[in-house]
């Protein structure tokens, strides 16, 4: 069973990688195709990936069946292609013929069989290496392996005529001996790079996961147009960065001191006040008396420059400090950030001015003590901290007027924030939920526990304007939370 599962998983991966490789043709200029499908419900057996040609191009629509084999113990021959797997079943060649007969009324078509198995000598000598078509010799010769040697048998099996059979083989493409999964990954990377996309394991996995989701959702999700493909690429940030980079950079060393690939415009070294091992933090007095003034001076220094409002931020900081940096360099003051965000082994550069994705926050809300005037907010994106929250509230009975738990609709988790668009969407929605609850419960302060990527906290901080006093909390070594910074947002 284990070997069968491994074979199936490899086959699925090969199929979806090849499907992605073909669907990327939708981005080419000038385009030959109007749309594509993954597991096309109208394509018969040649349904793994399809591309529908534009009528004004004269190109043929492509209907592809993908066959992957985990080893090279065999190959394709006319006999194996014509052999039915069961007594009542149809052979692979018969299935491809039936698909072609169904599709040919739509205009020019190509029926493509793609496989990592090669062809035997009799089949292979009639396959053109240039375009995977059957050579003229296949149609004219009477030798073994040519059309004449099999025509009567195939006509009987397929219930067709020699003329129709000849037309079918004219539209058949046998792309055999394709290569390994590794070879296909390299080809996918090359095409993605040529089209201005990011390449490598993570972008490929994002694309393959998307195709799997399209198959699972079914319906219209399987239809992919140039516009829907571009929207997906933007949402998942798969375009290679071609936008202008920030001309100024701000380095803030907190948990650790690091060096990056460009010199900082302003550099703040706060490592003496932070200890990652013990979760040691500076006091509120140190923050207000020393660190906050340094941050405000950094803001003034950058703002004096003509290009100083688009800032490349680097640093390893507590989540509360990321929030505070966002509050100081607020969106309403005209600041934008590009910040490093490590995600599942790859480092991204997320921008605070990215367009919001369609992702939504789920809100869990409950009233607390009627006499209290503080709102408690758990902003949890990367993990479920409800158990910690219960302990936190038990240690502070009657302290909060209401409690909000904000998390992605799909639930919190390591991969819950997949792009800058997600981070922006969650930040904007979190601000609105906090603002609404603050007005509804007439609270005078907001106590915020962040459990999110640092960049999400930065983007949220930029948008926490006109919310009054916000007290942020940091996690301790023992798993509890302590108040750290008091931010005045106006």
Foldseek 3Di string as FASTA:
>chain_A
DVVVVVFVVQQLLLLLLVQLLVQLLLLDPPGQFFWKFAQDPLQFQLRRMWTHGDPVPLDAIERHDEDEDPDAPDADAPVQQQDAPDPPGGGVVLRLLVSCVSPVVVDHHAYEYAYLGHYDPLQVVQADPVFQAGHPCLVPDCDPSHCVVCVVVVCVRNVHDSVSVVVSSRRYGYNYNVDHPVVSLVSSQVSQVVSQWHHDDVVSVLSSVQCVVLVVVDDPSRMGGSVNVVVSCQQLVGGHDPDDAQPAEEEEEDQHDDDDDDDHPYYHYPPVAAHPVFRGHHAQCCCVVPVVVSLLVVLVVLVVDPRRQEYEYDYDHFLVVLLVSLLSSAVVVPHKYFYWFDAPNDIDTAILPRAADPWDKDKDKDFAALPEQEEEEEEAAADDCVVLVVVQCVVPHNHHGMYIYIYTPVGHHRCRQSGNNHLNNSLVVVLVVLVVVCVVSVHQEYEYEYHDTSVSSNSNSNVNAPNAWYWYWGAGPVGHIDTHYIDGRD
